[in-house]
């Protein structure tokens, strides 16, 4: 497969996009870390400093009102105003950078996953808890290779895998989806899948070794799949990519070598939809070709070859034959 390297201008714009995205995300996280609001509130004959938790005005008393409470409220208002100003500036710079990258016609992610990924990142879920798996990874692999490769990358769904090793409190995946779009509901026929009012589907996957780390109340509820273990191996890639709507999002995806071998393995599964099997084979070959040609930091030598399990040996052998032609 022939790669088309990014131009210097495209590569530079993508580096700048990541810097601007991280500035926006850090500003967003900083604002979210502050209380929703602090207020002076009279209760009977006394006044208190209240922390407000939501738009409905629900909150708790922090202390009786006095000079220290007044200083605390004044400092909070100044801090929150500063945080909002930083966020507004960071958002404007990010939007400008995303428009520039879009104009340079680099590979882009579909618009629909963008809000989910940004919300996941603001909540810290991309720092070890969630991996993006499936076709949406391809734009990130092209960015890792700093080159375009021609392969089908359109998809009408979004696959996430739980990769966390410690069970969290609450229902982090479900809370994430509902924060992005309150119309998400769990598909009653496929409990590992959520669907919104526009019929956009989000599937949650998990390896058996991570199944016990799922939050007890979380949804969707994936069925542990042994082949998901392969996607936990190696070193994940981490890229900030442009989206088709002119925004940007962060993708943390599996090591491209194991992603590609997993795709080639899927292509050999007779029970899989024949149309998907063809796409799986094309994607697996394209990603391994890109690794061989443009990702020396993901070596394909003897050490990697020895680590390949028996189930993937045939897929590995067929790619090597393909690469030698």
Foldseek 3Di string as FASTA:
>chain_A
DDWAFADPVLLVLQVVLVVLLVQLLVLLLVLVVAFPAWDWDDDPPFIFIWGAHDPVRDTDGDGTDDPVSVVVRVVSVVVNVVSVVSNVVSVVSNLVSLVVSVVSPQDAAAPVCALLQSLCVSVVCQVFFKAWADLRCVSVLCSLLSTDDDADRDDQETEMETGHQAADPDAVNVVSVCVSPVQWDADPVALQWIAGPVRHIYGYEYAPNCLVNYHPPYDSRYDHDPLVVLQNDDAWGWGWGHYPVSGIGIHTGGDLLSSLLSLQLVLPDPVDDVVSSVSSPRSSLRSVVSCVPGPVVSDPDPVVLVVDDPSSNVVVVVSVVVVVD
